Amino acid sequence: MIQQEYLKICDQALQWAQVRNYKGYGKFDALKSPLLLTLSMNKRLLRGGFIYLISRMPINLRPALFVAKTQNPKGLALFAMSNFNLYKITNDSSYLKEGLHLLDMLFDVSSYRDYSGHCWGYDYPWQSTCFFIPPYEPNCVVTCFVATAFLQAYEITNEKRYLDIGISVANFILKDLNKIDVGSDKKCFSYDLNSSWKVINVNALIAALMANLFKLTQEQEYKKTAQETMSWVISQKTDYHAWYYTDPPEASHITHDNYHTGFVLDSIYEYLSVFPCVKIQKTWQNGLDFYKAKLFTNDHAPKWMHDKIYPHDIHGAAQGIITFAIASRSNEAYLNYSDKILEWTLGNLFSPKHYRFFYQKGKFWTKRFTLMRWSQAWMTYAISRFLLYSKENSN
């Protein structure tokens, strides 16, 4: 497919979200149902069970359960970065204007008044294996993605207020998140405010963010944090060049899945752009080889786990497009692999009539409904990243 057609798809998919004011359903939003929240009786297993059940159903039960459509802060950040990427590609100021408008919306829902700096959480109550997070209570993952969007705005506009928000986020991470003891010369931060769950991709995101903040400010504390956090992430690599979701691995049912592996690889690449290191570069390359060989099928569909093909998830498709597009900066051949994943996605998880992306494709059926952040935001961001690197490689 020609680049102009991809640009049209990305633009129309963004418009699909914009006319809905970026409000939609989320993968893990079952507890926004008043019925399910009441039935859970504040019990961890029931809360987790309802979230798991609704996320795995072949049809979307959320409307029947009165789940409200809302704006997801992480989704807003992805939509903002999609607009920034399209602005860089086309020089059309309407994309920049919309991206900055989305950042204004994110500023309004920051919890900075209650913590040491700007921070964000999901728009729904979430029960994970190890902790419960109320709606909008800040966590590290959402905060890192939103901070990255603000730093992109700073790099485009050179307006210091956007950098100041990134610096404020660093204060939240350094002062409010739990620091987990992982030995000398290494750092590990908690996912949320109250747990000590060691999530590997979360710390990779922190290392990349701190590296970018150091690049922009030359603040030594950011450099030290980036290097020590990345040191811990690298130490968690298996001897076959993969990362588990948690340390210890048995703390989560997730082993080597698609998009969390992509998070780690992209974060390492971002880190290396600030702190070049031959050894870490080799680790990234080996990890990318594992990702390509074990987390995609021969026809470029995203696998669910390294040892489980189905379901093919839209987030995994988007992540593959992003990760191999980024990798094309090191080897242009990866851009073709990114393109193949995009072609598979448009052929299997996309409605060309409505410009929206479906949730999952199973062995026997496709979940043909759209989750605003999980489906639409991730895919617009993925296509915009692919187009951006395509433009770089053609210059």
Protein backbone atom coordinates (compact mmCIF):
# COMPACT_ATOMS: atom_id res chain seq x y z
CA MET A 1 0.00 0.00 0.00
CA ILE A 2 1.34 3.44 -0.90
CA GLN A 3 2.29 5.89 1.85
CA GLN A 4 -0.48 8.34 0.89
CA GLU A 5 -3.09 5.67 1.58
CA TYR A 6 -1.59 4.96 4.99
CA LEU A 7 -1.70 8.67 5.74
CA LYS A 8 -5.37 8.79 4.80
CA ILE A 9 -6.16 5.81 7.04
CA CYS A 10 -4.31 7.38 9.98
CA ASP A 11 -5.99 10.75 9.46
CA GLN A 12 -9.48 9.26 9.15
CA ALA A 13 -8.94 6.98 12.15
CA LEU A 14 -7.94 10.04 14.20
CA GLN A 15 -11.07 11.82 13.04
CA TRP A 16 -13.17 8.81 14.07
CA ALA A 17 -11.83 9.25 17.60
CA GLN A 18 -12.03 13.04 17.60
CA VAL A 19 -15.72 13.22 16.70
CA ARG A 20 -16.37 10.98 19.72
CA ASN A 21 -14.34 13.34 21.89
CA TYR A 22 -11.89 10.46 22.40
CA LYS A 23 -14.38 8.72 24.69
CA GLY A 24 -14.74 4.97 24.51
CA TYR A 25 -14.48 1.64 26.24
CA GLY A 26 -11.29 0.11 27.64
CA LYS A 27 -10.01 -3.45 27.87
CA PHE A 28 -9.99 -3.50 31.67
CA ASP A 29 -12.92 -1.19 32.44
CA ALA A 30 -15.45 -3.80 33.66
CA LEU A 31 -15.63 -2.26 37.15
CA LYS A 32 -17.03 0.96 35.66
CA SER A 33 -20.23 -1.07 35.52
CA PRO A 34 -22.27 -0.17 38.64
CA LEU A 35 -23.69 -3.70 38.60
CA LEU A 36 -20.35 -5.50 38.49
CA LEU A 37 -18.81 -3.12 41.01
CA THR A 38 -21.61 -3.89 43.45
CA LEU A 39 -21.48 -7.62 42.81
CA SER A 40 -17.73 -7.68 43.42
CA MET A 41 -18.41 -6.82 47.09
CA ASN A 42 -14.96 -5.26 47.37
CA LYS A 43 -13.39 -8.71 46.99
CA ARG A 44 -10.10 -8.95 45.12
CA LEU A 45 -10.88 -12.23 43.35
CA LEU A 46 -14.32 -11.07 42.22
CA ARG A 47 -13.01 -7.74 40.97
CA GLY A 48 -10.21 -9.45 39.07
CA GLY A 49 -12.57 -12.11 37.80
CA PHE A 50 -15.04 -9.63 36.34
CA ILE A 51 -12.27 -7.69 34.61
CA TYR A 52 -10.83 -10.90 33.15
CA LEU A 53 -14.25 -12.16 32.03
CA ILE A 54 -15.31 -8.98 30.23
CA SER A 55 -11.90 -8.56 28.56
CA ARG A 56 -12.12 -12.11 27.15
CA MET A 57 -15.74 -12.16 25.97
CA PRO A 58 -16.23 -12.57 22.20
CA ILE A 59 -18.87 -9.82 22.20
CA ASN A 60 -18.83 -6.42 23.87
CA LEU A 61 -21.07 -6.62 26.94
CA ARG A 62 -20.16 -3.17 28.24
CA PRO A 63 -23.23 -1.35 26.87
CA ALA A 64 -25.55 -3.88 28.53
CA LEU A 65 -23.66 -3.49 31.81
CA PHE A 66 -23.91 0.33 31.70
CA VAL A 67 -20.17 0.87 31.46
CA ALA A 68 -19.64 4.57 30.71
CA LYS A 69 -17.50 5.72 27.80
CA THR A 70 -14.73 7.99 29.08
CA GLN A 71 -11.41 9.49 28.05
CA ASN A 72 -8.38 7.41 28.93
CA PRO A 73 -5.30 9.58 29.76
CA LYS A 74 -2.91 7.13 28.14
CA GLY A 75 -5.12 7.09 25.06
CA LEU A 76 -5.14 10.89 24.95
CA ALA A 77 -1.33 10.87 25.07
CA LEU A 78 -1.16 8.38 22.19
CA PHE A 79 -3.58 10.46 20.13
CA ALA A 80 -1.51 13.58 20.89
CA MET A 81 1.70 11.90 19.74
CA SER A 82 -0.05 10.61 16.62
CA ASN A 83 -0.96 14.21 15.76
CA PHE A 84 2.59 15.39 16.46
CA ASN A 85 3.97 12.70 14.14
CA LEU A 86 1.58 13.67 11.35
CA TYR A 87 2.54 17.31 11.83
CA LYS A 88 6.21 16.38 11.36
CA ILE A 89 5.32 14.44 8.21
CA THR A 90 2.96 16.93 6.57
CA ASN A 91 3.75 20.29 8.22
CA ASP A 92 -0.03 20.73 8.54
CA SER A 93 -0.51 22.96 11.59
CA SER A 94 -3.97 21.51 12.32
CA TYR A 95 -2.28 18.35 13.59
CA LEU A 96 -0.06 20.35 15.92
CA LYS A 97 -3.04 22.34 17.16
CA GLU A 98 -5.02 19.20 17.95
CA GLY A 99 -2.05 17.53 19.65
CA LEU A 100 -1.53 20.54 21.92
CA HIS A 101 -5.26 20.64 22.64
CA LEU A 102 -5.03 17.05 23.85
CA LEU A 103 -2.15 18.02 26.15
CA ASP A 104 -4.33 20.77 27.61
CA MET A 105 -6.93 18.10 28.36
CA LEU A 106 -4.27 15.95 30.01
CA PHE A 107 -3.03 18.86 32.11
CA ASP A 108 -6.55 19.28 33.47
CA VAL A 109 -6.72 15.68 34.72
CA SER A 110 -3.23 15.57 36.24
CA SER A 111 -3.06 14.76 39.95
CA TYR A 112 -0.12 17.12 40.50
CA ARG A 113 -1.85 18.89 43.42
CA ASP A 114 -1.77 15.70 45.48
CA TYR A 115 1.76 14.51 44.72
CA SER A 116 5.30 15.73 44.14
CA GLY A 117 4.71 16.33 40.44
CA HIS A 118 2.45 15.75 37.48
CA CYS A 119 1.08 12.22 37.25
CA TRP A 120 -1.81 10.33 35.69
CA GLY A 121 -3.74 7.09 36.05
CA TYR A 122 -6.32 5.04 34.21
CA ASP A 123 -9.92 6.18 33.97
CA TYR A 124 -11.27 3.01 35.59
CA PRO A 125 -10.76 1.01 38.80
CA TRP A 126 -8.32 -1.78 38.12
CA GLN A 127 -7.65 -4.98 40.04
CA SER A 128 -4.40 -6.62 39.00
CA THR A 129 -2.87 -9.80 40.36
CA CYS A 130 -1.11 -7.89 43.13
CA PHE A 131 -2.93 -4.61 43.74
CA PHE A 132 -6.09 -2.55 43.32
CA ILE A 133 -5.88 0.94 41.83
CA PRO A 134 -8.89 3.30 42.06
CA PRO A 135 -9.84 5.33 38.96
CA TYR A 136 -7.37 8.10 38.11
CA GLU A 137 -4.97 7.15 40.92
CA PRO A 138 -1.56 7.72 39.30
CA ASN A 139 0.68 4.90 38.17
CA CYS A 140 4.02 4.80 36.44
CA VAL A 141 3.00 3.49 33.02
CA VAL A 142 0.34 6.06 32.24
CA THR A 143 2.53 8.82 33.64
CA CYS A 144 5.53 7.87 31.46
CA PHE A 145 3.48 7.86 28.27
CA VAL A 146 1.88 11.21 29.05
CA ALA A 147 5.26 12.71 29.97
CA THR A 148 6.68 11.53 26.64
CA ALA A 149 3.87 13.37 24.82
CA PHE A 150 4.70 16.60 26.68
CA LEU A 151 8.39 16.24 25.87
CA GLN A 152 7.54 15.76 22.19
CA ALA A 153 5.55 18.99 22.35
CA TYR A 154 8.57 20.74 23.83
CA GLU A 155 10.86 19.47 21.07
CA ILE A 156 8.42 20.75 18.43
CA THR A 157 7.46 24.11 19.96
CA ASN A 158 10.44 24.87 22.24
CA GLU A 159 7.92 26.10 24.82
CA LYS A 160 9.47 25.55 28.23
CA ARG A 161 6.17 24.86 29.97
CA TYR A 162 6.06 21.47 28.27
CA LEU A 163 9.56 20.61 29.47
CA ASP A 164 8.62 21.80 32.96
CA ILE A 165 5.83 19.23 33.05
CA GLY A 166 8.32 16.51 32.12
CA ILE A 167 10.60 17.66 34.94
CA SER A 168 7.62 17.64 37.28
CA VAL A 169 6.89 14.03 36.28
CA ALA A 170 10.47 13.12 37.23
CA ASN A 171 9.77 14.52 40.70
CA PHE A 172 6.74 12.23 40.99
CA ILE A 173 8.75 9.18 39.95
CA LEU A 174 11.72 9.94 42.19
CA LYS A 175 9.77 11.03 45.26
CA ASP A 176 6.43 9.23 45.25
CA LEU A 177 6.94 5.79 43.71
CA ASN A 178 8.35 3.05 45.90
CA LYS A 179 12.03 2.21 45.45
CA ILE A 180 12.55 -1.54 45.61
CA ASP A 181 15.88 -2.91 46.79
CA VAL A 182 17.54 -4.76 43.89
CA GLY A 183 21.17 -4.40 44.95
CA SER A 184 23.84 -1.78 44.52
CA ASP A 185 24.17 0.30 41.33
CA LYS A 186 20.67 -0.72 40.23
CA LYS A 187 17.24 0.84 40.67
CA CYS A 188 13.74 -0.57 40.50
CA PHE A 189 10.57 1.50 40.93
CA SER A 190 7.08 0.28 41.76
CA TYR A 191 4.28 0.24 39.22
CA ASP A 192 1.93 2.15 41.50
CA LEU A 193 2.02 4.07 44.77
CA ASN A 194 1.37 1.24 47.20
CA SER A 195 2.89 -2.00 45.92
CA SER A 196 6.38 -3.43 45.60
CA TRP A 197 5.67 -5.32 42.40
CA LYS A 198 8.79 -5.44 40.22
CA VAL A 199 7.51 -4.97 36.66
CA ILE A 200 10.33 -5.01 34.13
CA ASN A 201 8.82 -3.05 31.24
CA VAL A 202 7.74 -0.29 33.65
CA ASN A 203 11.32 0.30 34.68
CA ALA A 204 12.46 0.25 31.05
CA LEU A 205 9.98 3.08 30.40
CA ILE A 206 11.40 5.03 33.35
CA ALA A 207 14.97 4.57 32.11
CA ALA A 208 14.04 5.88 28.65
CA LEU A 209 12.14 8.85 30.06
CA MET A 210 14.98 9.78 32.41
CA ALA A 211 17.50 9.48 29.58
CA ASN A 212 15.45 11.88 27.46
CA LEU A 213 15.11 14.30 30.36
CA PHE A 214 18.87 14.20 30.86
CA LYS A 215 19.39 14.93 27.16
CA LEU A 216 17.17 18.01 27.47
CA THR A 217 18.35 19.30 30.88
CA GLN A 218 21.79 17.75 31.62
CA GLU A 219 20.52 17.06 35.15
CA GLN A 220 22.86 14.45 36.63
CA GLU A 221 20.21 12.83 38.82
CA TYR A 222 18.29 11.89 35.69
CA LYS A 223 21.41 10.36 34.18
CA LYS A 224 22.12 8.31 37.29
CA THR A 225 18.52 7.14 37.54
CA ALA A 226 18.38 6.21 33.84
CA GLN A 227 21.60 4.21 33.99
CA GLU A 228 20.85 2.38 37.24
CA THR A 229 17.28 1.55 36.22
CA MET A 230 18.38 0.30 32.82
CA SER A 231 21.09 -1.73 34.52
CA TRP A 232 18.40 -3.59 36.44
CA VAL A 233 16.29 -4.09 33.30
CA ILE A 234 19.25 -5.53 31.40
CA SER A 235 20.06 -7.83 34.33
CA GLN A 236 16.59 -9.40 33.99
CA LYS A 237 17.19 -10.70 30.46
CA THR A 238 17.00 -14.47 30.14
CA ASP A 239 19.79 -16.48 28.56
CA TYR A 240 17.61 -16.80 25.43
CA HIS A 241 17.28 -12.99 25.15
CA ALA A 242 13.77 -12.38 26.46
CA TRP A 243 12.21 -10.58 29.41
CA TYR A 244 9.50 -11.79 31.72
CA TYR A 245 6.79 -9.38 32.82
CA THR A 246 7.82 -9.47 36.48
CA ASP A 247 10.64 -10.43 38.78
CA PRO A 248 10.27 -13.11 39.98
CA PRO A 249 8.61 -14.50 36.83
CA GLU A 250 6.01 -16.46 38.79
CA ALA A 251 4.58 -13.24 40.23
CA SER A 252 2.52 -12.89 37.05
CA HIS A 253 0.78 -15.24 34.62
CA ILE A 254 2.31 -13.16 31.80
CA THR A 255 5.53 -14.69 30.50
CA HIS A 256 6.98 -13.30 27.24
CA ASP A 257 4.10 -11.47 25.62
CA ASN A 258 4.07 -9.25 22.58
CA TYR A 259 3.55 -5.63 23.49
CA HIS A 260 5.37 -5.62 26.86
CA THR A 261 8.41 -7.07 25.09
CA GLY A 262 8.08 -4.25 22.56
CA PHE A 263 7.98 -1.69 25.38
CA VAL A 264 11.29 -3.02 26.71
CA LEU A 265 12.98 -3.02 23.31
CA ASP A 266 11.79 0.48 22.38
CA SER A 267 12.87 1.82 25.76
CA ILE A 268 16.34 0.31 25.38
CA TYR A 269 16.62 1.89 21.92
CA GLU A 270 15.60 5.30 23.28
CA TYR A 271 18.11 4.92 26.11
CA LEU A 272 20.88 4.01 23.66
CA SER A 273 20.22 7.17 21.65
CA VAL A 274 21.36 9.12 24.72
CA PHE A 275 23.83 6.68 26.30
CA PRO A 276 25.47 4.57 23.57
CA CYS A 277 26.82 1.23 24.84
CA VAL A 278 28.05 -1.64 22.70
CA LYS A 279 27.01 -4.28 25.24
CA ILE A 280 23.47 -2.92 25.65
CA GLN A 281 23.20 -2.49 21.88
CA LYS A 282 23.94 -6.21 21.51
CA THR A 283 21.33 -7.00 24.16
CA TRP A 284 18.76 -4.95 22.23
CA GLN A 285 19.62 -6.68 18.94
CA ASN A 286 19.36 -10.15 20.49
CA GLY A 287 16.06 -9.18 22.12
CA LEU A 288 14.75 -7.88 18.79
CA ASP A 289 15.70 -11.17 17.13
CA PHE A 290 13.74 -13.07 19.78
CA TYR A 291 10.78 -10.72 19.33
CA LYS A 292 10.71 -11.23 15.56
CA ALA A 293 11.20 -14.99 15.72
CA LYS A 294 8.92 -15.86 18.65
CA LEU A 295 6.18 -13.23 18.86
CA PHE A 296 4.96 -13.07 15.24
CA THR A 297 3.68 -15.76 12.91
CA ASN A 298 5.08 -16.45 9.47
CA ASP A 299 2.33 -14.29 7.95
CA HIS A 300 3.23 -11.36 10.29
CA ALA A 301 0.35 -11.71 12.73
CA PRO A 302 1.11 -10.81 16.37
CA LYS A 303 1.18 -13.79 18.70
CA TRP A 304 -0.36 -13.54 22.15
CA MET A 305 2.64 -15.03 23.92
CA HIS A 306 5.87 -16.58 22.72
CA ASP A 307 4.24 -20.00 23.10
CA LYS A 308 0.62 -19.08 22.31
CA ILE A 309 -0.59 -17.84 18.93
CA TYR A 310 -4.15 -16.73 19.68
CA PRO A 311 -5.72 -14.31 20.08
CA HIS A 312 -4.08 -11.91 17.64
CA ASP A 313 -4.43 -8.67 19.59
CA ILE A 314 -4.56 -5.19 18.04
CA HIS A 315 -2.17 -3.83 20.66
CA GLY A 316 0.38 -6.48 19.69
CA ALA A 317 -0.03 -5.57 16.03
CA ALA A 318 0.46 -1.88 16.79
CA GLN A 319 3.48 -2.60 18.94
CA GLY A 320 5.14 -4.67 16.25
CA ILE A 321 4.65 -1.90 13.71
CA ILE A 322 6.21 0.60 16.14
CA THR A 323 9.11 -1.56 17.30
CA PHE A 324 10.30 -2.56 13.83
CA ALA A 325 9.79 0.97 12.51
CA ILE A 326 12.05 2.23 15.30
CA ALA A 327 14.54 -0.56 14.56
CA SER A 328 14.72 0.63 10.94
CA ARG A 329 16.93 3.45 12.17
CA SER A 330 19.58 0.78 12.70
CA ASN A 331 18.69 -1.40 9.74
CA GLU A 332 16.35 -0.15 7.02
CA ALA A 333 15.20 -3.71 6.30
CA TYR A 334 13.12 -3.69 9.47
CA LEU A 335 10.82 -1.08 7.93
CA ASN A 336 9.63 -3.68 5.44
CA TYR A 337 8.81 -6.05 8.31
CA SER A 338 6.89 -3.26 10.03
CA ASP A 339 4.99 -2.71 6.78
CA LYS A 340 4.10 -6.41 6.57
CA ILE A 341 2.58 -6.31 10.07
CA LEU A 342 0.63 -3.19 9.11
CA GLU A 343 -0.66 -4.88 5.96
CA TRP A 344 -1.78 -7.90 8.00
CA THR A 345 -3.55 -5.62 10.48
CA LEU A 346 -5.42 -3.69 7.80
CA GLY A 347 -6.51 -6.98 6.25
CA ASN A 348 -7.67 -8.59 9.49
CA LEU A 349 -8.47 -6.04 12.22
CA PHE A 350 -9.69 -2.96 10.36
CA SER A 351 -12.94 -1.60 8.99
CA PRO A 352 -12.14 0.38 5.81
CA LYS A 353 -15.73 1.66 5.78
CA HIS A 354 -15.54 3.29 9.21
CA TYR A 355 -11.77 3.70 9.71
CA ARG A 356 -11.78 1.93 13.03
CA PHE A 357 -9.72 -0.96 14.36
CA PHE A 358 -11.04 -4.16 15.90
CA TYR A 359 -9.94 -5.59 19.23
CA GLN A 360 -8.83 -9.18 18.57
CA LYS A 361 -8.85 -12.00 16.05
CA GLY A 362 -9.21 -15.46 17.52
CA LYS A 363 -8.86 -18.85 15.89
CA PHE A 364 -12.60 -19.05 15.16
CA TRP A 365 -13.95 -15.49 15.40
CA THR A 366 -12.98 -11.83 15.40
CA LYS A 367 -14.00 -9.39 18.13
CA ARG A 368 -15.21 -6.71 15.79
CA PHE A 369 -15.62 -3.93 18.33
CA THR A 370 -13.31 -1.01 18.98
CA LEU A 371 -11.69 -0.09 22.30
CA MET A 372 -10.73 3.57 22.12
CA ARG A 373 -7.26 3.43 23.67
CA TRP A 374 -6.43 -0.23 23.10
CA SER A 375 -7.46 -0.29 19.44
CA GLN A 376 -7.82 3.17 17.93
CA ALA A 377 -5.17 5.13 19.83
CA TRP A 378 -2.49 2.47 19.53
CA MET A 379 -3.05 1.96 15.81
CA THR A 380 -3.11 5.64 14.88
CA TYR A 381 0.11 6.03 16.83
CA ALA A 382 1.62 2.97 15.15
CA ILE A 383 0.78 4.13 11.62
CA SER A 384 2.06 7.63 12.37
CA ARG A 385 5.35 6.20 13.65
CA PHE A 386 5.65 4.00 10.57
CA LEU A 387 5.06 6.98 8.29
CA LEU A 388 7.55 9.11 10.21
CA TYR A 389 10.35 6.56 9.88
CA SER A 390 9.42 5.91 6.27
CA LYS A 391 9.95 9.59 5.60
CA GLU A 392 13.30 9.54 7.45
CA ASN A 393 14.50 6.53 5.47
CA SER A 394 13.51 8.13 2.16
CA ASN A 395 15.48 11.32 2.84
